[in-house]
Amino acid sequence: MPVIRDDEKRAGVPHPLTVGTPRVIGWEFNPPAIGGPQFVILAWGIMGGLKVLQRFPLTEDGWHDAWRSLSRDPRAAANAAAALAERAAQDAGPESQQPVRDSQPMLIVTTNDVPGYRITQVHGDVFGLIVRARNYFSNLGASFRTLAGGEVVGSTRLRTDSRNQARERMWREARARGANAVVAMRFDCNEVGDLRSEVVAYGTAVTVVPVSPDVTTAP
């Protein structure tokens, strides 16, 4: 039974453990009046969203029953097993192997300067690039959504995650160069074929210092 993380407990929104197969296993947190937290077997709907096929109690027995149902699709079960192994390694790995969290402030702005700060050093351009593939069934559903209208949830999630990861890679490169800020940051997005989305975040890595004693660190 997987350990469900706090950011995976969004009320009323099914959370899939994996992507890439027509059927996936996951969980959904609902109010007690409509079933409460449950493990679910999900399928991609024709409009690009997730459809709940089966529900099971959020217990060890419920997880075993849900897994038994998923195992009817060997590819889906293998995909989920790999995801579970990766989660277990992240959660149970030795502290010495865990990445050190970067707590030093990094200021990222789209302007060419930072009010209240003075640029003392320019480290050059930095960027973060990510290319992600969409699930085929979600992509098919998005095509139908263009006819019906409304938000394509799968596309929204894909692009939001891609931008966040591209921006993180950009500031990590800036940090490696000794910068504490990125100015003139921009996003550039392109479609690669029909199923891949390319997102790049780029800007200029700089070192800034406050011009007023009231300003002590970059926010």
N, C-alpha and C. Protein backbone atom coordinates (compact mmCIF):
# COMPACT_ATOMS: atom_id res chain seq x y z
N MET A 1 0.85 -1.20 0.00
CA MET A 1 0.00 0.00 0.00
C MET A 1 0.88 1.24 0.00
N PRO A 2 0.73 2.14 -0.96
CA PRO A 2 1.62 3.31 -1.04
C PRO A 2 1.33 4.33 0.04
N VAL A 3 2.36 5.10 0.39
CA VAL A 3 2.18 6.24 1.29
C VAL A 3 1.72 7.42 0.45
N ILE A 4 0.54 7.94 0.76
CA ILE A 4 -0.02 9.04 -0.02
C ILE A 4 0.49 10.36 0.56
N ARG A 5 1.09 11.16 -0.29
CA ARG A 5 1.69 12.41 0.15
C ARG A 5 0.63 13.51 0.25
N ASP A 6 0.96 14.52 1.04
CA ASP A 6 -0.02 15.58 1.31
C ASP A 6 -0.50 16.27 0.04
N ASP A 7 0.42 16.49 -0.92
CA ASP A 7 0.02 17.20 -2.15
C ASP A 7 -0.77 16.31 -3.10
N GLU A 8 -1.00 15.04 -2.72
CA GLU A 8 -1.78 14.12 -3.55
C GLU A 8 -3.17 13.88 -2.97
N LYS A 9 -3.56 14.70 -2.02
CA LYS A 9 -4.84 14.53 -1.34
C LYS A 9 -5.83 15.63 -1.71
N ARG A 10 -5.86 16.00 -2.97
CA ARG A 10 -6.78 17.06 -3.40
C ARG A 10 -8.21 16.54 -3.42
N ALA A 11 -9.09 17.25 -2.75
CA ALA A 11 -10.47 16.81 -2.61
C ALA A 11 -11.18 16.80 -3.96
N GLY A 12 -11.86 15.67 -4.24
CA GLY A 12 -12.69 15.58 -5.42
C GLY A 12 -11.95 15.41 -6.73
N VAL A 13 -10.62 15.29 -6.69
CA VAL A 13 -9.83 15.14 -7.92
C VAL A 13 -9.08 13.83 -7.86
N PRO A 14 -9.37 12.87 -8.76
CA PRO A 14 -8.64 11.61 -8.73
C PRO A 14 -7.17 11.81 -9.05
N HIS A 15 -6.31 11.15 -8.31
CA HIS A 15 -4.87 11.26 -8.53
C HIS A 15 -4.33 9.94 -9.08
N PRO A 16 -3.91 9.89 -10.34
CA PRO A 16 -3.36 8.65 -10.90
C PRO A 16 -1.93 8.43 -10.43
N LEU A 17 -1.60 7.19 -10.11
CA LEU A 17 -0.23 6.86 -9.73
C LEU A 17 0.71 6.95 -10.92
N THR A 18 0.21 6.60 -12.11
CA THR A 18 1.04 6.59 -13.31
C THR A 18 0.24 7.16 -14.48
N VAL A 19 0.93 7.30 -15.60
CA VAL A 19 0.30 7.61 -16.88
C VAL A 19 0.88 6.65 -17.92
N GLY A 20 0.34 6.68 -19.13
CA GLY A 20 0.92 5.88 -20.19
C GLY A 20 0.18 4.62 -20.55
N THR A 21 -0.85 4.26 -19.78
CA THR A 21 -1.67 3.09 -20.10
C THR A 21 -3.14 3.48 -20.03
N PRO A 22 -4.00 2.76 -20.76
CA PRO A 22 -5.43 3.13 -20.74
C PRO A 22 -6.04 3.06 -19.35
N ARG A 23 -5.63 2.08 -18.53
CA ARG A 23 -6.14 1.95 -17.17
C ARG A 23 -5.00 2.20 -16.19
N VAL A 24 -5.29 2.93 -15.11
CA VAL A 24 -4.28 3.22 -14.10
C VAL A 24 -4.92 3.09 -12.72
N ILE A 25 -4.07 2.95 -11.73
CA ILE A 25 -4.54 2.90 -10.34
C ILE A 25 -4.22 4.23 -9.67
N GLY A 26 -5.04 4.61 -8.71
CA GLY A 26 -4.80 5.86 -8.02
C GLY A 26 -5.69 5.98 -6.80
N TRP A 27 -5.98 7.20 -6.39
CA TRP A 27 -6.81 7.43 -5.22
C TRP A 27 -7.58 8.73 -5.39
N GLU A 28 -8.62 8.87 -4.60
CA GLU A 28 -9.46 10.06 -4.66
C GLU A 28 -9.95 10.38 -3.25
N PHE A 29 -9.84 11.65 -2.87
CA PHE A 29 -10.25 12.08 -1.53
C PHE A 29 -11.55 12.86 -1.64
N ASN A 30 -12.62 12.25 -1.15
CA ASN A 30 -13.95 12.87 -1.16
C ASN A 30 -14.45 13.07 0.26
N PRO A 31 -15.42 13.95 0.46
CA PRO A 31 -16.03 14.08 1.78
C PRO A 31 -16.68 12.77 2.21
N PRO A 32 -16.82 12.53 3.51
CA PRO A 32 -17.42 11.28 4.00
C PRO A 32 -18.82 11.03 3.44
N ALA A 33 -19.57 12.09 3.15
CA ALA A 33 -20.94 11.92 2.66
C ALA A 33 -20.98 11.23 1.30
N ILE A 34 -19.89 11.32 0.53
CA ILE A 34 -19.88 10.69 -0.79
C ILE A 34 -18.77 9.65 -0.91
N GLY A 35 -18.51 8.97 0.21
CA GLY A 35 -17.59 7.83 0.15
C GLY A 35 -16.28 8.01 0.86
N GLY A 36 -15.83 9.26 1.07
CA GLY A 36 -14.55 9.50 1.72
C GLY A 36 -13.38 9.09 0.84
N PRO A 37 -12.17 9.01 1.40
CA PRO A 37 -10.98 8.62 0.64
C PRO A 37 -11.10 7.19 0.12
N GLN A 38 -10.68 6.99 -1.13
CA GLN A 38 -10.79 5.66 -1.73
C GLN A 38 -9.65 5.43 -2.71
N PHE A 39 -9.26 4.17 -2.85
CA PHE A 39 -8.43 3.77 -3.99
C PHE A 39 -9.36 3.61 -5.19
N VAL A 40 -8.85 3.96 -6.38
CA VAL A 40 -9.69 3.90 -7.57
C VAL A 40 -8.92 3.31 -8.75
N ILE A 41 -9.66 2.67 -9.63
CA ILE A 41 -9.15 2.27 -10.94
C ILE A 41 -9.69 3.29 -11.92
N LEU A 42 -8.80 3.90 -12.71
CA LEU A 42 -9.15 5.01 -13.57
C LEU A 42 -8.91 4.66 -15.03
N ALA A 43 -9.63 5.36 -15.90
CA ALA A 43 -9.42 5.24 -17.34
C ALA A 43 -9.51 6.64 -17.93
N TRP A 44 -8.78 6.85 -19.01
CA TRP A 44 -8.83 8.14 -19.68
C TRP A 44 -10.15 8.27 -20.43
N GLY A 45 -10.89 9.36 -20.15
CA GLY A 45 -12.15 9.62 -20.84
C GLY A 45 -11.92 10.20 -22.23
N ILE A 46 -12.93 10.22 -23.05
CA ILE A 46 -12.79 10.70 -24.43
C ILE A 46 -12.55 12.19 -24.48
N MET A 47 -12.80 12.92 -23.39
CA MET A 47 -12.58 14.35 -23.36
C MET A 47 -11.24 14.71 -22.72
N GLY A 48 -10.41 13.72 -22.47
CA GLY A 48 -9.08 14.00 -21.93
C GLY A 48 -9.00 13.93 -20.43
N GLY A 49 -10.13 13.73 -19.74
CA GLY A 49 -10.11 13.63 -18.29
C GLY A 49 -10.03 12.19 -17.83
N LEU A 50 -10.04 12.01 -16.51
CA LEU A 50 -9.98 10.68 -15.92
C LEU A 50 -11.37 10.24 -15.47
N LYS A 51 -11.71 9.00 -15.80
CA LYS A 51 -12.99 8.44 -15.42
C LYS A 51 -12.75 7.33 -14.39
N VAL A 52 -13.50 7.37 -13.30
CA VAL A 52 -13.37 6.35 -12.26
C VAL A 52 -14.17 5.12 -12.67
N LEU A 53 -13.48 3.99 -12.78
CA LEU A 53 -14.12 2.72 -13.15
C LEU A 53 -14.53 1.91 -11.92
N GLN A 54 -13.68 1.90 -10.90
CA GLN A 54 -13.95 1.11 -9.69
C GLN A 54 -13.43 1.88 -8.48
N ARG A 55 -14.06 1.63 -7.34
CA ARG A 55 -13.68 2.26 -6.08
C ARG A 55 -13.46 1.19 -5.02
N PHE A 56 -12.46 1.43 -4.17
CA PHE A 56 -12.13 0.49 -3.10
C PHE A 56 -11.80 1.28 -1.83
N PRO A 57 -12.02 0.70 -0.65
CA PRO A 57 -11.69 1.41 0.59
C PRO A 57 -10.20 1.74 0.67
N LEU A 58 -9.89 2.85 1.32
CA LEU A 58 -8.50 3.27 1.47
C LEU A 58 -7.88 2.51 2.65
N THR A 59 -7.75 1.19 2.46
CA THR A 59 -7.19 0.28 3.48
C THR A 59 -6.26 -0.70 2.79
N GLU A 60 -5.56 -1.48 3.59
CA GLU A 60 -4.68 -2.51 3.01
C GLU A 60 -5.49 -3.47 2.15
N ASP A 61 -6.64 -3.93 2.66
CA ASP A 61 -7.48 -4.85 1.89
C ASP A 61 -7.99 -4.17 0.62
N GLY A 62 -8.37 -2.90 0.74
CA GLY A 62 -8.84 -2.17 -0.43
C GLY A 62 -7.76 -2.04 -1.47
N TRP A 63 -6.51 -1.80 -1.03
CA TRP A 63 -5.40 -1.71 -1.97
C TRP A 63 -5.16 -3.04 -2.68
N HIS A 64 -5.20 -4.14 -1.94
CA HIS A 64 -5.00 -5.45 -2.57
C HIS A 64 -6.10 -5.74 -3.60
N ASP A 65 -7.33 -5.39 -3.28
CA ASP A 65 -8.42 -5.62 -4.23
C ASP A 65 -8.25 -4.74 -5.48
N ALA A 66 -7.85 -3.49 -5.27
CA ALA A 66 -7.64 -2.59 -6.41
C ALA A 66 -6.50 -3.10 -7.28
N TRP A 67 -5.43 -3.58 -6.64
CA TRP A 67 -4.27 -4.08 -7.39
C TRP A 67 -4.64 -5.34 -8.18
N ARG A 68 -5.46 -6.19 -7.57
CA ARG A 68 -5.91 -7.40 -8.26
C ARG A 68 -6.69 -7.03 -9.53
N SER A 69 -7.50 -5.98 -9.43
CA SER A 69 -8.26 -5.53 -10.59
C SER A 69 -7.33 -4.96 -11.66
N LEU A 70 -6.34 -4.16 -11.25
CA LEU A 70 -5.40 -3.57 -12.21
C LEU A 70 -4.57 -4.64 -12.90
N SER A 71 -4.26 -5.73 -12.19
CA SER A 71 -3.38 -6.77 -12.71
C SER A 71 -3.98 -7.51 -13.90
N ARG A 72 -5.25 -7.29 -14.18
CA ARG A 72 -5.84 -7.87 -15.39
C ARG A 72 -5.20 -7.27 -16.65
N ASP A 73 -4.57 -6.12 -16.48
CA ASP A 73 -3.81 -5.49 -17.57
C ASP A 73 -2.34 -5.54 -17.17
N PRO A 74 -1.57 -6.53 -17.64
CA PRO A 74 -0.18 -6.70 -17.20
C PRO A 74 0.68 -5.46 -17.42
N ARG A 75 0.46 -4.76 -18.54
CA ARG A 75 1.27 -3.57 -18.82
C ARG A 75 0.99 -2.47 -17.80
N ALA A 76 -0.28 -2.28 -17.45
CA ALA A 76 -0.63 -1.27 -16.47
C ALA A 76 -0.06 -1.63 -15.10
N ALA A 77 -0.10 -2.91 -14.74
CA ALA A 77 0.43 -3.35 -13.45
C ALA A 77 1.94 -3.17 -13.39
N ALA A 78 2.64 -3.49 -14.48
CA ALA A 78 4.09 -3.33 -14.51
C ALA A 78 4.48 -1.85 -14.40
N ASN A 79 3.72 -1.00 -15.06
CA ASN A 79 3.98 0.43 -14.99
C ASN A 79 3.78 0.95 -13.57
N ALA A 80 2.72 0.49 -12.92
CA ALA A 80 2.45 0.91 -11.55
C ALA A 80 3.49 0.36 -10.58
N ALA A 81 3.93 -0.87 -10.79
CA ALA A 81 4.93 -1.47 -9.91
C ALA A 81 6.25 -0.69 -9.97
N ALA A 82 6.62 -0.23 -11.16
CA ALA A 82 7.84 0.57 -11.31
C ALA A 82 7.71 1.90 -10.57
N ALA A 83 6.52 2.50 -10.67
CA ALA A 83 6.30 3.77 -9.97
C ALA A 83 6.35 3.58 -8.46
N LEU A 84 5.79 2.48 -7.96
CA LEU A 84 5.82 2.20 -6.53
C LEU A 84 7.24 1.97 -6.04
N ALA A 85 8.05 1.28 -6.83
CA ALA A 85 9.43 1.03 -6.44
C ALA A 85 10.21 2.34 -6.36
N GLU A 86 9.95 3.23 -7.29
CA GLU A 86 10.64 4.52 -7.28
C GLU A 86 10.22 5.35 -6.06
N ARG A 87 8.92 5.32 -5.73
CA ARG A 87 8.44 6.05 -4.55
C ARG A 87 9.06 5.48 -3.28
N ALA A 88 9.13 4.16 -3.20
CA ALA A 88 9.69 3.52 -2.00
C ALA A 88 11.16 3.90 -1.83
N ALA A 89 11.90 3.96 -2.95
CA ALA A 89 13.32 4.33 -2.88
C ALA A 89 13.47 5.78 -2.41
N GLN A 90 12.58 6.65 -2.86
CA GLN A 90 12.64 8.05 -2.45
C GLN A 90 12.31 8.21 -0.98
N ASP A 91 11.32 7.44 -0.50
CA ASP A 91 10.86 7.60 0.88
C ASP A 91 11.76 6.91 1.90
N ALA A 92 12.42 5.81 1.49
CA ALA A 92 13.17 5.00 2.45
C ALA A 92 14.68 5.06 2.26
N GLY A 93 15.15 5.84 1.29
CA GLY A 93 16.58 5.91 1.03
C GLY A 93 17.35 6.52 2.19
N PRO A 94 18.63 6.17 2.34
CA PRO A 94 19.45 6.75 3.41
C PRO A 94 19.53 8.26 3.27
N GLU A 95 19.65 8.94 4.38
CA GLU A 95 19.70 10.41 4.35
C GLU A 95 20.89 10.89 3.54
N SER A 96 21.97 10.11 3.55
CA SER A 96 23.15 10.53 2.79
C SER A 96 22.90 10.52 1.30
N GLN A 97 21.88 9.76 0.84
CA GLN A 97 21.59 9.71 -0.58
C GLN A 97 20.46 10.64 -0.98
N GLN A 98 19.83 11.28 0.00
CA GLN A 98 18.76 12.21 -0.30
C GLN A 98 19.33 13.55 -0.76
N PRO A 99 18.74 14.17 -1.78
CA PRO A 99 19.24 15.46 -2.23
C PRO A 99 19.07 16.51 -1.13
N VAL A 100 20.07 17.38 -1.01
CA VAL A 100 20.02 18.46 -0.04
C VAL A 100 19.12 19.56 -0.59
N ARG A 101 18.14 19.93 0.20
CA ARG A 101 17.19 20.96 -0.23
C ARG A 101 17.87 22.31 -0.26
N ASP A 102 17.72 23.02 -1.36
CA ASP A 102 18.31 24.34 -1.52
C ASP A 102 17.39 25.37 -0.88
N SER A 103 17.83 25.93 0.25
CA SER A 103 17.00 26.89 0.97
C SER A 103 17.43 28.34 0.75
N GLN A 104 18.51 28.54 0.00
CA GLN A 104 18.97 29.90 -0.27
C GLN A 104 18.00 30.60 -1.23
N PRO A 105 17.60 31.83 -0.95
CA PRO A 105 16.63 32.50 -1.82
C PRO A 105 17.17 32.68 -3.25
N MET A 106 16.29 32.52 -4.23
CA MET A 106 16.61 32.77 -5.64
C MET A 106 15.50 33.63 -6.21
N LEU A 107 15.85 34.85 -6.61
CA LEU A 107 14.87 35.79 -7.13
C LEU A 107 14.78 35.63 -8.64
N ILE A 108 13.57 35.41 -9.15
CA ILE A 108 13.36 35.27 -10.60
C ILE A 108 12.34 36.32 -11.02
N VAL A 109 12.73 37.19 -11.95
CA VAL A 109 11.84 38.26 -12.41
C VAL A 109 11.86 38.32 -13.94
N THR A 110 10.80 38.86 -14.50
CA THR A 110 10.73 39.03 -15.96
C THR A 110 11.25 40.39 -16.39
N THR A 111 11.54 41.27 -15.44
CA THR A 111 12.08 42.60 -15.75
C THR A 111 13.60 42.52 -15.91
N ASN A 112 14.19 43.61 -16.45
CA ASN A 112 15.63 43.64 -16.68
C ASN A 112 16.42 44.09 -15.45
N ASP A 113 15.72 44.60 -14.46
CA ASP A 113 16.38 44.96 -13.21
C ASP A 113 15.43 44.65 -12.06
N VAL A 114 15.93 44.80 -10.84
CA VAL A 114 15.16 44.46 -9.65
C VAL A 114 15.09 45.70 -8.75
N PRO A 115 13.92 46.30 -8.60
CA PRO A 115 13.80 47.46 -7.72
C PRO A 115 14.30 47.13 -6.31
N GLY A 116 15.13 48.01 -5.76
CA GLY A 116 15.67 47.80 -4.43
C GLY A 116 16.97 47.02 -4.40
N TYR A 117 17.42 46.56 -5.58
CA TYR A 117 18.65 45.79 -5.66
C TYR A 117 19.55 46.34 -6.78
N ARG A 118 20.83 46.08 -6.65
CA ARG A 118 21.80 46.49 -7.66
C ARG A 118 22.51 45.25 -8.19
N ILE A 119 22.60 45.14 -9.49
CA ILE A 119 23.30 44.01 -10.11
C ILE A 119 24.81 44.25 -10.01
N THR A 120 25.51 43.34 -9.36
CA THR A 120 26.95 43.49 -9.19
C THR A 120 27.76 42.57 -10.10
N GLN A 121 27.09 41.52 -10.61
CA GLN A 121 27.81 40.58 -11.47
C GLN A 121 26.84 39.88 -12.39
N VAL A 122 27.21 39.72 -13.65
CA VAL A 122 26.40 39.00 -14.63
C VAL A 122 27.11 37.69 -14.96
N HIS A 123 26.40 36.59 -14.78
CA HIS A 123 26.99 35.25 -14.97
C HIS A 123 26.68 34.66 -16.34
N GLY A 124 25.82 35.31 -17.10
CA GLY A 124 25.48 34.81 -18.43
C GLY A 124 24.08 34.22 -18.50
N ASP A 125 23.73 33.78 -19.70
CA ASP A 125 22.40 33.23 -19.90
C ASP A 125 22.29 31.82 -19.31
N VAL A 126 21.11 31.50 -18.81
CA VAL A 126 20.82 30.17 -18.27
C VAL A 126 19.46 29.73 -18.79
N PHE A 127 19.26 28.42 -18.86
CA PHE A 127 17.97 27.92 -19.33
C PHE A 127 17.68 26.56 -18.70
N GLY A 128 16.42 26.21 -18.72
CA GLY A 128 15.98 24.88 -18.32
C GLY A 128 15.03 24.35 -19.37
N LEU A 129 15.29 23.15 -19.86
CA LEU A 129 14.51 22.58 -20.96
C LEU A 129 13.88 21.27 -20.53
N ILE A 130 12.64 21.05 -20.94
CA ILE A 130 11.98 19.77 -20.70
C ILE A 130 11.09 19.44 -21.89
N VAL A 131 11.11 18.19 -22.30
CA VAL A 131 10.23 17.68 -23.36
C VAL A 131 9.44 16.54 -22.76
N ARG A 132 8.12 16.68 -22.72
CA ARG A 132 7.26 15.66 -22.12
C ARG A 132 6.30 15.11 -23.15
N ALA A 133 6.01 13.82 -23.01
CA ALA A 133 5.08 13.15 -23.92
C ALA A 133 3.72 13.03 -23.25
N ARG A 134 2.67 13.29 -23.98
CA ARG A 134 1.32 13.14 -23.47
C ARG A 134 0.82 11.73 -23.72
N ASN A 135 -0.06 11.29 -22.83
CA ASN A 135 -0.73 10.01 -23.02
C ASN A 135 -1.56 10.06 -24.31
N TYR A 136 -1.49 9.00 -25.11
CA TYR A 136 -2.21 8.99 -26.39
C TYR A 136 -3.71 9.20 -26.19
N PHE A 137 -4.27 8.55 -25.17
CA PHE A 137 -5.71 8.64 -24.97
C PHE A 137 -6.11 10.04 -24.49
N SER A 138 -5.24 10.66 -23.70
CA SER A 138 -5.50 12.03 -23.28
C SER A 138 -5.43 12.97 -24.47
N ASN A 139 -4.50 12.72 -25.38
CA ASN A 139 -4.37 13.55 -26.58
C ASN A 139 -5.60 13.39 -27.47
N LEU A 140 -6.13 12.17 -27.55
CA LEU A 140 -7.34 11.93 -28.34
C LEU A 140 -8.51 12.66 -27.71
N GLY A 141 -8.57 12.61 -26.37
CA GLY A 141 -9.65 13.31 -25.69
C GLY A 141 -9.58 14.80 -25.90
N ALA A 142 -8.36 15.36 -25.97
CA ALA A 142 -8.21 16.80 -26.20
C ALA A 142 -8.77 17.18 -27.57
N SER A 143 -8.61 16.29 -28.54
CA SER A 143 -9.16 16.57 -29.87
C SER A 143 -10.68 16.67 -29.82
N PHE A 144 -11.31 15.79 -29.06
CA PHE A 144 -12.75 15.87 -28.90
C PHE A 144 -13.17 17.12 -28.14
N ARG A 145 -12.33 17.52 -27.18
CA ARG A 145 -12.65 18.69 -26.37
C ARG A 145 -12.70 19.95 -27.22
N THR A 146 -11.89 20.01 -28.29
CA THR A 146 -11.92 21.19 -29.15
C THR A 146 -13.27 21.34 -29.84
N LEU A 147 -13.99 20.24 -29.97
CA LEU A 147 -15.32 20.30 -30.56
C LEU A 147 -16.38 20.67 -29.53
N ALA A 148 -16.23 20.15 -28.32
CA ALA A 148 -17.23 20.38 -27.29
C ALA A 148 -17.00 21.67 -26.52
N GLY A 149 -15.75 22.14 -26.46
CA GLY A 149 -15.43 23.34 -25.69
C GLY A 149 -15.14 23.00 -24.24
N GLY A 150 -14.50 23.94 -23.53
CA GLY A 150 -14.17 23.73 -22.13
C GLY A 150 -12.70 23.45 -21.92
N GLU A 151 -12.29 23.40 -20.65
CA GLU A 151 -10.89 23.19 -20.32
C GLU A 151 -10.46 21.75 -20.58
N VAL A 152 -9.28 21.59 -21.14
CA VAL A 152 -8.67 20.28 -21.33
C VAL A 152 -7.75 20.05 -20.13
N VAL A 153 -8.25 19.32 -19.15
CA VAL A 153 -7.55 19.19 -17.87
C VAL A 153 -6.18 18.56 -18.05
N GLY A 154 -6.08 17.53 -18.88
CA GLY A 154 -4.80 16.86 -19.08
C GLY A 154 -3.75 17.79 -19.65
N SER A 155 -4.14 18.63 -20.62
CA SER A 155 -3.20 19.59 -21.21
C SER A 155 -2.78 20.65 -20.21
N THR A 156 -3.73 21.11 -19.40
CA THR A 156 -3.41 22.11 -18.38
C THR A 156 -2.38 21.58 -17.40
N ARG A 157 -2.61 20.35 -16.92
CA ARG A 157 -1.68 19.75 -15.96
C ARG A 157 -0.31 19.54 -16.58
N LEU A 158 -0.28 19.07 -17.83
CA LEU A 158 0.99 18.82 -18.51
C LEU A 158 1.81 20.09 -18.63
N ARG A 159 1.18 21.16 -19.08
CA ARG A 159 1.91 22.40 -19.30
C ARG A 159 2.31 23.09 -18.01
N THR A 160 1.47 22.98 -16.98
CA THR A 160 1.83 23.55 -15.68
C THR A 160 3.05 22.83 -15.10
N ASP A 161 3.03 21.50 -15.13
CA ASP A 161 4.16 20.73 -14.61
C ASP A 161 5.42 21.01 -15.42
N SER A 162 5.28 21.11 -16.74
CA SER A 162 6.44 21.35 -17.60
C SER A 162 7.08 22.69 -17.30
N ARG A 163 6.26 23.73 -17.16
CA ARG A 163 6.80 25.06 -16.86
C ARG A 163 7.50 25.10 -15.51
N ASN A 164 6.90 24.47 -14.52
CA ASN A 164 7.52 24.45 -13.19
C ASN A 164 8.86 23.73 -13.22
N GLN A 165 8.94 22.62 -13.93
CA GLN A 165 10.19 21.86 -13.98
C GLN A 165 11.25 22.60 -14.81
N ALA A 166 10.83 23.22 -15.90
CA ALA A 166 11.78 23.99 -16.71
C ALA A 166 12.35 25.16 -15.91
N ARG A 167 11.50 25.84 -15.15
CA ARG A 167 11.96 26.97 -14.35
C ARG A 167 12.91 26.50 -13.24
N GLU A 168 12.59 25.33 -12.64
CA GLU A 168 13.49 24.81 -11.60
C GLU A 168 14.86 24.47 -12.17
N ARG A 169 14.89 23.86 -13.34
CA ARG A 169 16.18 23.53 -13.96
C ARG A 169 16.97 24.79 -14.30
N MET A 170 16.25 25.83 -14.70
CA MET A 170 16.92 27.09 -15.03
C MET A 170 17.58 27.68 -13.79
N TRP A 171 16.83 27.77 -12.66
CA TRP A 171 17.44 28.41 -11.49
C TRP A 171 18.51 27.53 -10.86
N ARG A 172 18.43 26.22 -11.02
CA ARG A 172 19.50 25.37 -10.52
C ARG A 172 20.80 25.62 -11.30
N GLU A 173 20.68 25.85 -12.60
CA GLU A 173 21.87 26.20 -13.38
C GLU A 173 22.43 27.55 -12.94
N ALA A 174 21.52 28.50 -12.67
CA ALA A 174 21.96 29.80 -12.18
C ALA A 174 22.67 29.67 -10.84
N ARG A 175 22.12 28.85 -9.95
CA ARG A 175 22.76 28.63 -8.65
C ARG A 175 24.15 28.03 -8.82
N ALA A 176 24.29 27.08 -9.76
CA ALA A 176 25.59 26.44 -9.98
C ALA A 176 26.63 27.44 -10.45
N ARG A 177 26.19 28.52 -11.08
CA ARG A 177 27.13 29.55 -11.55
C ARG A 177 27.43 30.59 -10.47
N GLY A 178 26.78 30.48 -9.33
CA GLY A 178 27.03 31.42 -8.25
C GLY A 178 26.08 32.59 -8.21
N ALA A 179 25.00 32.54 -8.97
CA ALA A 179 24.04 33.64 -9.01
C ALA A 179 23.02 33.51 -7.88
N ASN A 180 22.39 34.64 -7.55
CA ASN A 180 21.29 34.60 -6.59
C ASN A 180 20.01 35.20 -7.16
N ALA A 181 20.01 35.44 -8.49
CA ALA A 181 18.82 35.98 -9.14
C ALA A 181 18.89 35.69 -10.64
N VAL A 182 17.71 35.67 -11.27
CA VAL A 182 17.60 35.56 -12.73
C VAL A 182 16.70 36.69 -13.19
N VAL A 183 17.20 37.50 -14.12
CA VAL A 183 16.40 38.60 -14.66
C VAL A 183 16.04 38.32 -16.11
N ALA A 184 15.04 39.04 -16.61
CA ALA A 184 14.57 38.90 -17.99
C ALA A 184 14.17 37.46 -18.30
N MET A 185 13.51 36.81 -17.33
CA MET A 185 13.10 35.42 -17.52
C MET A 185 11.94 35.33 -18.51
N ARG A 186 11.99 34.34 -19.38
CA ARG A 186 10.93 34.11 -20.36
C ARG A 186 10.68 32.61 -20.50
N PHE A 187 9.49 32.27 -20.98
CA PHE A 187 9.15 30.91 -21.36
C PHE A 187 9.02 30.84 -22.87
N ASP A 188 9.40 29.71 -23.44
CA ASP A 188 9.18 29.43 -24.85
C ASP A 188 8.63 28.02 -24.96
N CYS A 189 7.51 27.85 -25.66
CA CYS A 189 6.83 26.55 -25.74
C CYS A 189 6.64 26.15 -27.20
N ASN A 190 6.85 24.89 -27.48
CA ASN A 190 6.65 24.35 -28.83
C ASN A 190 6.08 22.95 -28.75
N GLU A 191 5.38 22.55 -29.79
CA GLU A 191 4.89 21.18 -29.91
C GLU A 191 5.84 20.40 -30.82
N VAL A 192 6.25 19.23 -30.37
CA VAL A 192 7.12 18.36 -31.14
C VAL A 192 6.29 17.16 -31.59
N GLY A 193 5.91 17.14 -32.85
CA GLY A 193 5.01 16.09 -33.30
C GLY A 193 3.62 16.31 -32.70
N ASP A 194 2.89 15.24 -32.53
CA ASP A 194 1.53 15.33 -32.00
C ASP A 194 1.44 15.02 -30.51
N LEU A 195 2.47 14.39 -29.94
CA LEU A 195 2.34 13.90 -28.57
C LEU A 195 3.39 14.45 -27.62
N ARG A 196 4.28 15.35 -28.10
CA ARG A 196 5.32 15.86 -27.22
C ARG A 196 5.25 17.37 -27.13
N SER A 197 5.49 17.86 -25.93
CA SER A 197 5.45 19.30 -25.66
C SER A 197 6.81 19.73 -25.13
N GLU A 198 7.41 20.74 -25.77
CA GLU A 198 8.73 21.25 -25.37
C GLU A 198 8.55 22.61 -24.69
N VAL A 199 9.11 22.75 -23.51
CA VAL A 199 9.05 24.01 -22.77
C VAL A 199 10.46 24.37 -22.32
N VAL A 200 10.85 25.61 -22.55
CA VAL A 200 12.15 26.10 -22.09
C VAL A 200 11.94 27.39 -21.31
N ALA A 201 12.59 27.49 -20.17
CA ALA A 201 12.62 28.72 -19.39
C ALA A 201 14.04 29.27 -19.48
N TYR A 202 14.19 30.56 -19.77
CA TYR A 202 15.53 31.12 -19.92
C TYR A 202 15.58 32.54 -19.39
N GLY A 203 16.78 32.98 -19.06
CA GLY A 203 16.97 34.32 -18.55
C GLY A 203 18.45 34.58 -18.34
N THR A 204 18.77 35.65 -17.63
CA THR A 204 20.16 36.03 -17.37
C THR A 204 20.45 35.86 -15.88
N ALA A 205 21.44 35.06 -15.58
CA ALA A 205 21.83 34.82 -14.18
C ALA A 205 22.70 35.98 -13.70
N VAL A 206 22.34 36.53 -12.55
CA VAL A 206 23.07 37.68 -12.00
C VAL A 206 23.23 37.53 -10.50
N THR A 207 24.11 38.32 -9.95
CA THR A 207 24.22 38.48 -8.50
C THR A 207 23.72 39.88 -8.16
N VAL A 208 22.79 39.96 -7.21
CA VAL A 208 22.24 41.25 -6.81
C VAL A 208 22.50 41.47 -5.33
N VAL A 209 22.62 42.75 -4.96
CA VAL A 209 22.77 43.13 -3.56
C VAL A 209 21.78 44.25 -3.29
N PRO A 210 21.27 44.34 -2.06
CA PRO A 210 20.30 45.39 -1.74
C PRO A 210 20.97 46.76 -1.74
N VAL A 211 20.25 47.77 -2.22
CA VAL A 211 20.76 49.13 -2.22
C VAL A 211 20.35 49.87 -0.96
N SER A 212 19.46 49.27 -0.16
CA SER A 212 19.00 49.89 1.08
C SER A 212 19.28 48.94 2.22
N PRO A 213 19.71 49.43 3.37
CA PRO A 213 19.95 48.53 4.51
C PRO A 213 18.69 47.84 5.01
N ASP A 214 17.50 48.36 4.61
CA ASP A 214 16.24 47.71 5.02
C ASP A 214 15.99 46.43 4.27
N VAL A 215 16.66 46.27 3.12
CA VAL A 215 16.51 45.07 2.32
C VAL A 215 17.70 44.19 2.58
N THR A 216 17.49 43.02 3.13
CA THR A 216 18.61 42.17 3.55
C THR A 216 18.85 41.01 2.61
N THR A 217 17.80 40.41 2.07
CA THR A 217 17.96 39.25 1.19
C THR A 217 16.96 39.34 0.05
N ALA A 218 17.28 38.66 -1.04
CA ALA A 218 16.32 38.55 -2.14
C ALA A 218 15.15 37.72 -1.66
N PRO A 219 13.89 38.13 -1.96
CA PRO A 219 12.73 37.35 -1.49
C PRO A 219 12.67 36.00 -2.18
